[in-house]
Amino acid sequence: MPQDRDVAALRGFFDGRAKRPTLGLMYGRRRIGKSTLLVEEVGQRGGFYFEATRVETPVHLERLGGALGEHLGVGRIELRSWEEALTQLLRLGGEQAIPVVLDEFGYLLEADPSLPSVIASTFGPGGRGSSGRARMVLCGSAIAMMRSLTAGEAALRGRAGLELVMLPDDYRVAATRLADPSDLELAVRVFAVIGGVVGYATDMVDFDLPEGADDVDRWIAQRVLSPAATLHHEATTLLAEDPALAGADPALHHSILGVIATGSVTAGKIASRLGRQVSNLAPALGRLVDAGFVTRHEDPIRKQRPTYALADPYLQFHYAVLEPHRSRLRTRDPQALWRQRLIDVFDSQVRGPVFEQQARTFVEQFASDDTVPEGRAHVGPSRLTVDGVERQLDVVVVADDHPDPASRRITAIGEAKAGEVIGRRHLDRLTEARHRLGSRAEGAGLLLIGSSFDPALDTETRHRDDVEVVDLQRLYHGD
């Protein structure tokens, strides 16, 4: 389900006032609805849509000529080069602004690496596309490859009037796909398994989502853990399909994802778990970040102390729960194994980290200025050493963008817990953390974000204006 802002950006590009052809890029991970959105817009506007496959350039041109001829009602058009193909495509916009989409652009580029230069020449000042009003969109799922098209000295740098990066839906939108969107406990659990990728909630689970809390175990076992489930193999497929990771060591990439999913979230700890030097590991970790499989969280209050997380709840589930137990899942009943062993792994290594990111999303996107006053220049996790023990701070908010993180003013710190009753000890821990952070955290708000709260906490916080309690109702529907 595309975000409203993505739809608006795409329509704004198609409706642009330029009296000449324009070029746009659109990309994001697979199965988030890019192609669906493009097909709908192209259909409504009488445009042209072509989806490439993994074949050689002559076959691409032959298929494109057939599709273009059918669109025009003239029979197959012979296209002998990409120069000819682009000329014919841009003629579609001779009378009005018409969308022209080349989807799965990565396959076209894989077959002909010179294609971006041809497109740049066509859209350049002396190009053949100087007349007409075609709105061409190059769409792809290989994030690093699509970003590289306009980076540095790339041929298309400065040529694109749109670079739309589509992201999976947030947890609020994801909840609307459930049969009962008001069941927020269910929404939290389902989001921790499949996140906000629309394809994971539709086609890839055979349009089967759990109907209630008592159906979750059946659903996870049947639709994810079972070797017959499409999602069972999804992570491996995603990595294998990404050209940014092709030719590199796939075992290393999977190993990095696995150790991050099981709690090693700094470069040093990742390297230690894998028996490598940080410098030796950096290129592979960088590739995973660039390809959109790993997210690098900069510490809002500590310099050069980034942490790493898997970029999608499903990936977290796969590498924490499914992958380490794949051999058992081949020989044992998935539902029995889930109840006996894997549900505890899910609660500790998946549900918690995913919920912490939900809390940070709430603070960044949905919390009001009354909840988090004085700006939100950076929101992220951090760590604090107390009596020689390092503690995690799930949510840290700073108001300013000072180049030295240690000099930034902290406006709020928060603790996020799913499946755990939040009580006085959590509040005391936050209060102590604020004290330890010193003067830069003076007056910082304390955020308690969770699914269950000790009733006694209400008495404790009722008359305090420095504490905000965010339950699931507020997390999903409030500010």
Protein backbone atom coordinates (compact mmCIF):
# COMPACT_ATOMS: atom_id res chain seq x y z
CA MET A 1 0.00 0.00 0.00
CA PRO A 2 1.91 3.09 -1.22
CA GLN A 3 2.19 5.99 1.19
CA ASP A 4 0.18 9.09 0.29
CA ARG A 5 3.38 11.09 -0.05
CA ASP A 6 4.76 8.58 -2.59
CA VAL A 7 1.57 8.73 -4.66
CA ALA A 8 1.62 12.53 -4.53
CA ALA A 9 5.28 12.68 -5.59
CA LEU A 10 4.73 10.35 -8.53
CA ARG A 11 1.62 12.17 -9.69
CA GLY A 12 3.42 15.49 -9.35
CA PHE A 13 6.13 14.19 -11.66
CA PHE A 14 3.64 12.92 -14.22
CA ASP A 15 1.76 16.23 -14.11
CA GLY A 16 4.91 18.35 -14.35
CA ARG A 17 4.78 21.51 -16.44
CA ALA A 18 7.93 20.89 -18.46
CA LYS A 19 7.30 21.12 -22.21
CA ARG A 20 9.91 18.45 -22.90
CA PRO A 21 10.48 14.81 -21.88
CA THR A 22 11.52 14.30 -18.27
CA LEU A 23 13.18 11.42 -16.46
CA GLY A 24 12.44 9.98 -13.02
CA LEU A 25 13.77 7.14 -10.86
CA MET A 26 11.67 5.06 -8.51
CA TYR A 27 13.03 2.29 -6.34
CA GLY A 28 12.65 0.34 -3.13
CA ARG A 29 12.79 -3.21 -1.88
CA ARG A 30 10.73 -5.91 -3.54
CA ARG A 31 7.05 -6.52 -2.79
CA ILE A 32 6.21 -3.08 -1.38
CA GLY A 33 3.83 -2.08 -4.17
CA LYS A 34 6.00 -0.12 -6.63
CA SER A 35 4.83 -1.92 -9.74
CA THR A 36 1.20 -1.94 -8.61
CA LEU A 37 1.26 1.83 -8.18
CA LEU A 38 2.93 2.37 -11.55
CA VAL A 39 0.55 0.07 -13.41
CA GLU A 40 -2.45 1.86 -11.90
CA GLU A 41 -1.14 5.32 -12.77
CA VAL A 42 -0.10 4.31 -16.27
CA GLY A 43 -3.50 2.73 -16.88
CA GLN A 44 -5.38 5.80 -15.72
CA ARG A 45 -3.25 8.11 -17.88
CA GLY A 46 -3.10 6.05 -21.05
CA GLY A 47 0.64 5.54 -20.71
CA PHE A 48 3.02 2.69 -21.51
CA TYR A 49 4.41 0.12 -19.07
CA PHE A 50 7.11 -2.45 -19.82
CA GLU A 51 8.48 -4.95 -17.31
CA ALA A 52 11.89 -6.40 -18.15
CA THR A 53 13.03 -9.93 -17.41
CA ARG A 54 16.50 -11.44 -17.08
CA VAL A 55 17.43 -11.88 -20.76
CA GLU A 56 19.96 -10.45 -23.21
CA THR A 57 19.56 -7.05 -24.86
CA PRO A 58 18.35 -8.32 -28.27
CA VAL A 59 15.52 -10.17 -26.54
CA HIS A 60 14.69 -7.07 -24.45
CA LEU A 61 14.46 -4.97 -27.61
CA GLU A 62 12.37 -7.61 -29.41
CA ARG A 63 9.89 -7.84 -26.53
CA LEU A 64 9.80 -4.08 -26.09
CA GLY A 65 9.10 -3.62 -29.79
CA GLY A 66 6.24 -6.11 -29.58
CA ALA A 67 4.73 -4.44 -26.51
CA LEU A 68 5.09 -0.97 -28.01
CA GLY A 69 3.54 -2.03 -31.31
CA GLU A 70 0.62 -3.62 -29.49
CA HIS A 71 0.15 -0.43 -27.46
CA LEU A 72 0.03 1.62 -30.67
CA GLY A 73 -2.02 -0.93 -32.58
CA VAL A 74 0.50 -1.18 -35.42
CA GLY A 75 2.10 -4.57 -34.97
CA ARG A 76 5.59 -5.29 -33.70
CA ILE A 77 8.08 -2.43 -34.11
CA GLU A 78 11.64 -3.44 -34.98
CA LEU A 79 14.10 -1.91 -32.52
CA ARG A 80 17.77 -2.44 -33.35
CA SER A 81 19.30 -0.41 -30.51
CA TRP A 82 18.44 1.38 -27.31
CA GLU A 83 18.83 4.69 -29.16
CA GLU A 84 16.00 3.67 -31.47
CA ALA A 85 13.94 2.31 -28.60
CA LEU A 86 14.19 5.51 -26.56
CA THR A 87 13.31 7.63 -29.58
CA GLN A 88 10.16 5.59 -30.15
CA LEU A 89 9.22 5.63 -26.45
CA LEU A 90 9.56 9.39 -26.12
CA ARG A 91 7.36 9.92 -29.18
CA LEU A 92 4.47 8.61 -27.07
CA GLY A 93 4.43 11.99 -25.33
CA GLY A 94 4.12 14.02 -28.50
CA GLU A 95 0.67 15.40 -27.72
CA GLN A 96 0.53 15.47 -23.92
CA ALA A 97 2.31 14.39 -20.76
CA ILE A 98 2.31 10.57 -20.95
CA PRO A 99 3.97 8.20 -18.44
CA VAL A 100 6.44 5.72 -19.92
CA VAL A 101 7.69 3.13 -17.44
CA LEU A 102 10.63 0.73 -17.73
CA ASP A 103 10.20 -1.57 -14.73
CA GLU A 104 12.85 -3.99 -13.41
CA PHE A 105 15.43 -1.62 -14.84
CA GLY A 106 18.17 -3.63 -13.15
CA TYR A 107 17.67 -6.44 -15.68
CA LEU A 108 18.10 -4.00 -18.57
CA LEU A 109 21.25 -2.61 -16.99
CA GLU A 110 22.62 -6.08 -16.29
CA ALA A 111 22.33 -6.91 -19.98
CA ASP A 112 23.71 -3.57 -21.21
CA PRO A 113 25.78 -1.49 -18.73
CA SER A 114 25.99 1.34 -21.29
CA LEU A 115 22.24 2.00 -21.13
CA PRO A 116 22.44 4.87 -18.57
CA SER A 117 24.80 6.74 -20.91
CA VAL A 118 22.37 6.29 -23.79
CA ILE A 119 19.51 7.57 -21.64
CA ALA A 120 21.62 10.52 -20.45
CA SER A 121 22.39 11.46 -24.04
CA THR A 122 18.75 11.18 -25.03
CA PHE A 123 17.63 13.48 -22.23
CA GLY A 124 20.59 15.83 -22.57
CA PRO A 125 20.56 19.23 -24.27
CA GLY A 126 21.31 17.77 -27.71
CA GLY A 127 19.28 14.61 -27.30
CA ARG A 128 16.61 13.30 -29.57
CA GLY A 129 14.07 13.61 -26.80
CA SER A 130 13.99 17.41 -26.74
CA SER A 131 10.42 17.54 -28.05
CA GLY A 132 7.27 16.01 -26.62
CA ARG A 133 6.24 15.54 -23.00
CA ALA A 134 6.92 11.92 -22.16
CA ARG A 135 7.45 11.25 -18.44
CA MET A 136 9.84 8.30 -18.31
CA VAL A 137 10.29 6.38 -15.06
CA LEU A 138 13.05 3.83 -14.48
CA CYS A 139 11.94 1.52 -11.68
CA GLY A 140 13.99 -1.09 -9.83
CA SER A 141 14.34 -3.07 -6.63
CA ALA A 142 18.13 -3.23 -6.33
CA ILE A 143 18.54 -0.19 -4.10
CA ALA A 144 22.32 0.21 -4.31
CA MET A 145 22.28 -0.13 -8.08
CA MET A 146 19.46 2.39 -8.53
CA ARG A 147 21.15 4.89 -6.22
CA SER A 148 24.38 4.56 -8.18
CA LEU A 149 22.65 5.82 -11.33
CA THR A 150 22.75 9.41 -10.07
CA ALA A 151 25.72 9.26 -7.68
CA GLY A 152 29.09 10.92 -8.16
CA GLU A 153 30.09 11.02 -11.81
CA ALA A 154 27.32 8.66 -12.96
CA ALA A 155 25.86 9.29 -16.39
CA LEU A 156 22.39 10.19 -15.09
CA ARG A 157 23.57 12.61 -12.43
CA GLY A 158 21.59 15.83 -12.91
CA ARG A 159 19.25 14.27 -15.47
CA ALA A 160 16.48 12.96 -13.19
CA GLY A 161 13.66 15.24 -12.05
CA LEU A 162 12.38 12.64 -9.59
CA GLU A 163 14.18 10.16 -7.34
CA LEU A 164 11.44 8.47 -5.35
CA VAL A 165 12.57 5.95 -2.74
CA MET A 166 9.60 3.87 -1.61
CA LEU A 167 9.71 2.32 1.85
CA PRO A 168 7.63 -0.41 3.46
CA ASP A 169 4.50 0.79 5.24
CA ASP A 170 4.78 1.89 8.84
CA TYR A 171 3.22 -0.16 11.63
CA ARG A 172 0.02 1.91 11.65
CA VAL A 173 -0.71 1.26 7.99
CA ALA A 174 0.26 -2.41 8.36
CA ALA A 175 -2.36 -2.86 11.10
CA THR A 176 -5.15 -1.84 8.72
CA ARG A 177 -4.66 -5.07 6.74
CA LEU A 178 -5.81 -7.21 9.66
CA ALA A 179 -9.39 -8.44 9.82
CA ASP A 180 -9.72 -6.60 13.13
CA PRO A 181 -7.40 -3.56 13.11
CA SER A 182 -8.49 -2.71 16.66
CA ASP A 183 -6.70 -5.81 18.03
CA LEU A 184 -3.45 -4.01 18.71
CA GLU A 185 -1.71 -6.86 20.53
CA LEU A 186 -2.24 -8.92 17.39
CA ALA A 187 -1.00 -6.04 15.25
CA VAL A 188 2.25 -5.86 17.22
CA ARG A 189 2.90 -9.58 16.89
CA VAL A 190 2.11 -9.75 13.17
CA PHE A 191 4.23 -6.67 12.45
CA ALA A 192 7.17 -8.31 14.24
CA VAL A 193 6.98 -11.17 11.74
CA ILE A 194 6.28 -9.53 8.37
CA GLY A 195 6.68 -5.79 8.97
CA GLY A 196 5.07 -3.38 6.55
CA VAL A 197 5.82 -5.10 3.24
CA VAL A 198 2.45 -5.41 1.54
CA GLY A 199 3.42 -8.51 -0.44
CA TYR A 200 4.13 -10.37 2.80
CA ALA A 201 0.58 -9.71 3.99
CA THR A 202 -1.09 -10.67 0.71
CA ASP A 203 0.26 -12.91 -2.06
CA MET A 204 3.14 -14.43 -0.14
CA VAL A 205 0.89 -15.75 2.65
CA ASP A 206 -1.90 -16.68 0.23
CA PHE A 207 -3.93 -13.73 1.58
CA ASP A 208 -4.04 -15.45 4.96
CA LEU A 209 -3.47 -13.35 8.09
CA PRO A 210 -4.30 -14.50 11.63
CA GLU A 211 -7.83 -13.69 12.72
CA GLY A 212 -6.94 -13.27 16.38
CA ALA A 213 -4.42 -14.01 19.09
CA ASP A 214 -5.35 -17.69 19.21
CA ASP A 215 -4.59 -18.01 15.47
CA VAL A 216 -1.06 -16.57 15.54
CA ASP A 217 0.75 -19.82 16.26
CA ARG A 218 -1.03 -21.60 13.39
CA TRP A 219 -0.31 -18.74 11.02
CA ILE A 220 3.41 -18.45 11.81
CA ALA A 221 3.92 -22.20 11.57
CA GLN A 222 2.01 -22.56 8.30
CA ARG A 223 2.87 -19.34 6.49
CA VAL A 224 6.48 -18.71 7.59
CA LEU A 225 8.15 -21.64 9.34
CA SER A 226 6.91 -24.45 7.08
CA PRO A 227 9.45 -25.37 4.37
CA ALA A 228 6.50 -25.22 1.96
CA ALA A 229 5.80 -21.56 2.80
CA THR A 230 6.86 -18.94 0.26
CA LEU A 231 8.21 -16.71 3.03
CA HIS A 232 10.41 -19.52 4.31
CA HIS A 233 12.84 -18.85 1.43
CA GLU A 234 12.33 -15.11 0.96
CA ALA A 235 15.47 -13.76 2.64
CA THR A 236 17.77 -16.08 0.68
CA THR A 237 16.04 -15.08 -2.55
CA LEU A 238 16.33 -11.37 -1.80
CA LEU A 239 20.08 -11.54 -1.26
CA ALA A 240 20.66 -13.77 -4.28
CA GLU A 241 18.75 -11.38 -6.56
CA ASP A 242 20.60 -8.22 -5.54
CA PRO A 243 23.40 -7.32 -8.00
CA ALA A 244 25.20 -5.26 -5.35
CA LEU A 245 25.92 -8.51 -3.53
CA ALA A 246 26.57 -10.65 -6.59
CA GLY A 247 30.08 -12.02 -6.88
CA ALA A 248 30.80 -11.40 -3.21
CA ASP A 249 30.85 -13.99 -0.45
CA PRO A 250 27.19 -14.92 0.17
CA ALA A 251 28.05 -16.90 3.31
CA LEU A 252 29.65 -13.80 4.82
CA HIS A 253 26.60 -11.65 4.06
CA HIS A 254 24.26 -14.21 5.63
CA SER A 255 26.59 -14.54 8.63
CA ILE A 256 26.61 -10.78 9.23
CA LEU A 257 22.83 -10.66 9.10
CA GLY A 258 22.64 -13.61 11.47
CA VAL A 259 24.88 -12.16 14.17
CA ILE A 260 23.15 -8.77 14.02
CA ALA A 261 19.78 -10.50 14.43
CA THR A 262 21.04 -12.33 17.49
CA GLY A 263 22.33 -9.30 19.34
CA SER A 264 25.74 -8.27 17.99
CA VAL A 265 24.90 -4.76 16.84
CA THR A 266 28.24 -2.92 16.80
CA ALA A 267 30.98 -3.37 14.19
CA GLY A 268 33.35 -4.64 16.87
CA LYS A 269 30.94 -7.26 18.18
CA ILE A 270 29.98 -8.38 14.68
CA ALA A 271 33.64 -8.81 13.78
CA SER A 272 34.37 -10.65 17.04
CA ARG A 273 31.51 -13.11 16.50
CA LEU A 274 32.76 -13.86 13.01
CA GLY A 275 36.45 -14.03 13.95
CA ARG A 276 37.47 -11.15 11.67
CA GLN A 277 38.99 -7.72 11.95
CA VAL A 278 36.60 -4.77 11.73
CA SER A 279 38.53 -3.36 8.76
CA ASN A 280 38.24 -6.70 6.97
CA LEU A 281 34.50 -6.84 7.59
CA ALA A 282 33.69 -3.23 6.68
CA PRO A 283 33.25 -3.70 2.89
CA ALA A 284 30.68 -6.48 3.31
CA LEU A 285 28.82 -4.58 6.03
CA GLY A 286 28.81 -1.51 3.81
CA ARG A 287 27.35 -3.48 0.91
CA LEU A 288 24.50 -4.70 3.10
CA VAL A 289 23.77 -1.14 4.25
CA ASP A 290 23.86 0.21 0.70
CA ALA A 291 21.61 -2.61 -0.54
CA GLY A 292 19.01 -1.83 2.12
CA PHE A 293 19.31 -5.01 4.17
CA VAL A 294 20.98 -3.39 7.18
CA THR A 295 20.28 -0.03 8.79
CA ARG A 296 23.08 1.95 10.40
CA HIS A 297 21.85 3.90 13.45
CA GLU A 298 24.04 6.83 14.33
CA ASP A 299 24.14 7.38 18.07
CA PRO A 300 22.42 10.72 18.77
CA ILE A 301 24.71 11.56 21.72
CA ARG A 302 27.97 9.67 21.15
CA LYS A 303 30.46 10.24 18.36
CA GLN A 304 31.37 7.37 16.05
CA ARG A 305 29.36 4.80 17.99
CA PRO A 306 26.92 3.52 15.37
CA THR A 307 24.84 0.41 15.87
CA TYR A 308 23.42 -1.83 13.19
CA ALA A 309 19.99 -3.40 12.81
CA LEU A 310 18.28 -5.45 10.16
CA ALA A 311 16.23 -3.13 8.02
CA ASP A 312 13.02 -5.13 8.09
CA PRO A 313 11.14 -7.10 10.77
CA TYR A 314 10.87 -10.11 8.48
CA LEU A 315 14.65 -10.23 8.08
CA GLN A 316 14.99 -10.06 11.86
CA PHE A 317 12.54 -12.96 12.19
CA HIS A 318 14.26 -14.97 9.49
CA TYR A 319 17.79 -14.66 10.86
CA ALA A 320 16.89 -14.94 14.55
CA VAL A 321 14.20 -17.61 14.42
CA LEU A 322 14.00 -19.41 11.09
CA GLU A 323 17.57 -19.69 9.80
CA PRO A 324 19.22 -21.10 12.98
CA HIS A 325 16.56 -23.83 13.18
CA ARG A 326 16.09 -24.58 9.49
CA SER A 327 17.29 -28.19 9.76
CA ARG A 328 14.88 -28.92 12.61
CA LEU A 329 12.02 -27.39 10.64
CA ARG A 330 12.63 -29.89 7.84
CA THR A 331 12.08 -32.88 10.11
CA ARG A 332 9.76 -31.68 12.87
CA ASP A 333 6.27 -30.26 13.04
CA PRO A 334 6.72 -26.46 12.70
CA GLN A 335 3.86 -25.61 15.06
CA ALA A 336 5.11 -27.94 17.80
CA LEU A 337 8.66 -26.60 17.44
CA TRP A 338 7.32 -23.05 17.57
CA ARG A 339 5.45 -23.62 20.81
CA GLN A 340 8.17 -25.66 22.48
CA ARG A 341 11.21 -23.57 21.58
CA LEU A 342 10.96 -20.86 18.95
CA ILE A 343 8.34 -18.66 20.56
CA ASP A 344 10.82 -17.80 23.34
CA VAL A 345 13.43 -16.87 20.74
CA PHE A 346 10.85 -14.72 18.97
CA ASP A 347 9.92 -12.86 22.16
CA SER A 348 13.53 -12.12 23.13
CA GLN A 349 15.25 -11.55 19.79
CA VAL A 350 12.53 -10.33 17.45
CA ARG A 351 9.55 -8.84 19.20
CA GLY A 352 11.69 -6.64 21.45
CA PRO A 353 13.99 -5.06 18.82
CA VAL A 354 11.11 -4.54 16.38
CA PHE A 355 8.99 -2.86 19.06
CA GLU A 356 11.88 -0.57 19.99
CA GLN A 357 11.99 0.63 16.40
CA GLN A 358 8.22 1.13 16.45
CA ALA A 359 8.71 3.36 19.48
CA ARG A 360 11.33 5.42 17.65
CA THR A 361 9.01 5.68 14.64
CA PHE A 362 6.25 6.97 16.93
CA VAL A 363 8.55 9.64 18.33
CA GLU A 364 9.81 10.67 14.88
CA GLN A 365 6.54 10.65 12.94
CA PHE A 366 3.53 10.70 15.22
CA ALA A 367 4.33 12.21 18.62
CA SER A 368 3.07 15.75 19.14
CA ASP A 369 5.18 18.68 20.25
CA ASP A 370 3.53 18.37 23.66
CA THR A 371 4.81 14.80 23.93
CA VAL A 372 8.32 15.59 22.70
CA PRO A 373 8.89 19.35 22.83
CA GLU A 374 11.72 21.47 21.47
CA GLY A 375 12.47 19.66 18.24
CA ARG A 376 13.62 16.24 17.13
CA ALA A 377 16.82 16.70 15.15
CA HIS A 378 17.93 13.13 15.87
CA VAL A 379 16.09 10.11 17.26
CA GLY A 380 17.87 6.84 17.85
CA PRO A 381 19.16 4.27 20.32
CA SER A 382 22.17 4.86 22.53
CA ARG A 383 24.08 3.29 25.39
CA LEU A 384 25.03 4.48 28.84
CA THR A 385 27.62 2.96 31.15
CA VAL A 386 26.50 2.78 34.77
CA ASP A 387 28.89 1.33 37.37
CA GLY A 388 30.85 -0.40 34.64
CA VAL A 389 27.75 -1.97 33.08
CA GLU A 390 26.55 -0.81 29.65
CA ARG A 391 22.82 -0.18 29.46
CA GLN A 392 20.78 0.34 26.35
CA LEU A 393 18.64 3.43 25.92
CA ASP A 394 15.89 2.46 23.48
CA VAL A 395 14.94 6.00 22.52
CA VAL A 396 17.07 9.14 22.74
CA VAL A 397 15.86 12.43 21.30
CA VAL A 398 18.07 15.47 20.77
CA ALA A 399 16.83 18.90 19.81
CA ASP A 400 19.78 20.25 17.85
CA ASP A 401 22.18 19.19 15.13
CA HIS A 402 25.47 20.11 16.80
CA PRO A 403 28.34 18.42 14.89
CA ASP A 404 29.64 16.95 18.14
CA PRO A 405 26.97 14.51 19.40
CA ALA A 406 28.30 14.84 22.96
CA SER A 407 27.27 18.51 22.92
CA ARG A 408 23.70 18.00 21.79
CA ARG A 409 20.83 18.83 24.12
CA ILE A 410 18.70 15.83 25.04
CA THR A 411 14.96 16.48 25.10
CA ALA A 412 13.67 12.98 25.84
CA ILE A 413 14.78 9.46 26.65
CA GLY A 414 12.54 6.43 26.49
CA GLU A 415 12.17 2.77 27.26
CA ALA A 416 10.14 0.49 24.99
CA LYS A 417 8.97 -2.94 26.11
CA ALA A 418 6.64 -5.38 24.34
CA GLY A 419 5.32 -8.33 26.30
CA GLU A 420 6.66 -7.00 29.61
CA VAL A 421 4.77 -5.13 32.31
CA ILE A 422 6.22 -1.64 32.63
CA GLY A 423 6.34 -0.43 36.22
CA ARG A 424 8.21 1.59 38.78
CA ARG A 425 11.59 -0.02 38.10
CA HIS A 426 11.47 1.09 34.46
CA LEU A 427 10.69 4.64 35.51
CA ASP A 428 13.47 4.60 38.09
CA ARG A 429 15.91 3.35 35.48
CA LEU A 430 15.02 6.19 33.11
CA THR A 431 15.25 8.74 35.93
CA GLU A 432 18.72 7.48 36.83
CA ALA A 433 19.80 7.54 33.19
CA ARG A 434 18.70 11.16 32.87
CA HIS A 435 20.73 12.02 35.97
CA ARG A 436 23.81 10.22 34.62
CA LEU A 437 23.58 12.10 31.33
CA GLY A 438 24.18 15.35 33.21
CA SER A 439 23.22 18.90 32.43
CA ARG A 440 22.56 18.32 28.73
CA ALA A 441 19.61 16.12 29.73
CA GLU A 442 18.23 18.49 32.34
CA GLY A 443 14.47 18.67 31.95
CA ALA A 444 14.39 15.83 29.41
CA GLY A 445 11.08 14.02 29.19
CA LEU A 446 10.80 10.36 30.14
CA LEU A 447 8.89 8.12 27.71
CA LEU A 448 7.48 4.77 28.82
CA ILE A 449 6.26 2.92 25.73
CA GLY A 450 4.73 -0.52 26.00
CA SER A 451 1.85 -2.92 25.72
CA SER A 452 1.22 -3.48 29.43
CA PHE A 453 1.60 -1.23 32.48
CA ASP A 454 1.50 -1.76 36.22
CA PRO A 455 -1.65 0.02 37.51
CA ALA A 456 0.45 1.49 40.33
CA LEU A 457 2.42 3.43 37.73
CA ASP A 458 -0.57 5.67 37.11
CA THR A 459 -0.45 6.91 40.70
CA GLU A 460 3.29 7.53 40.37
CA THR A 461 3.07 9.53 37.13
CA ARG A 462 -0.29 11.28 37.48
CA HIS A 463 1.17 14.50 38.87
CA ARG A 464 4.45 14.47 36.96
CA ASP A 465 4.73 16.55 33.82
CA ASP A 466 8.07 15.00 32.82
CA VAL A 467 6.69 11.49 32.17
CA GLU A 468 4.71 10.33 29.14
CA VAL A 469 3.05 6.91 29.16
CA VAL A 470 2.46 5.57 25.66
CA ASP A 471 0.29 2.46 25.54
CA LEU A 472 -0.67 0.60 22.37
CA GLN A 473 -3.76 2.72 21.81
CA ARG A 474 -1.66 5.85 21.85
CA LEU A 475 1.17 4.23 19.87
CA TYR A 476 -1.20 3.29 17.04
CA HIS A 477 -3.79 6.04 17.13
CA GLY A 478 -2.59 8.93 19.29
CA ASP A 479 0.21 11.45 19.52
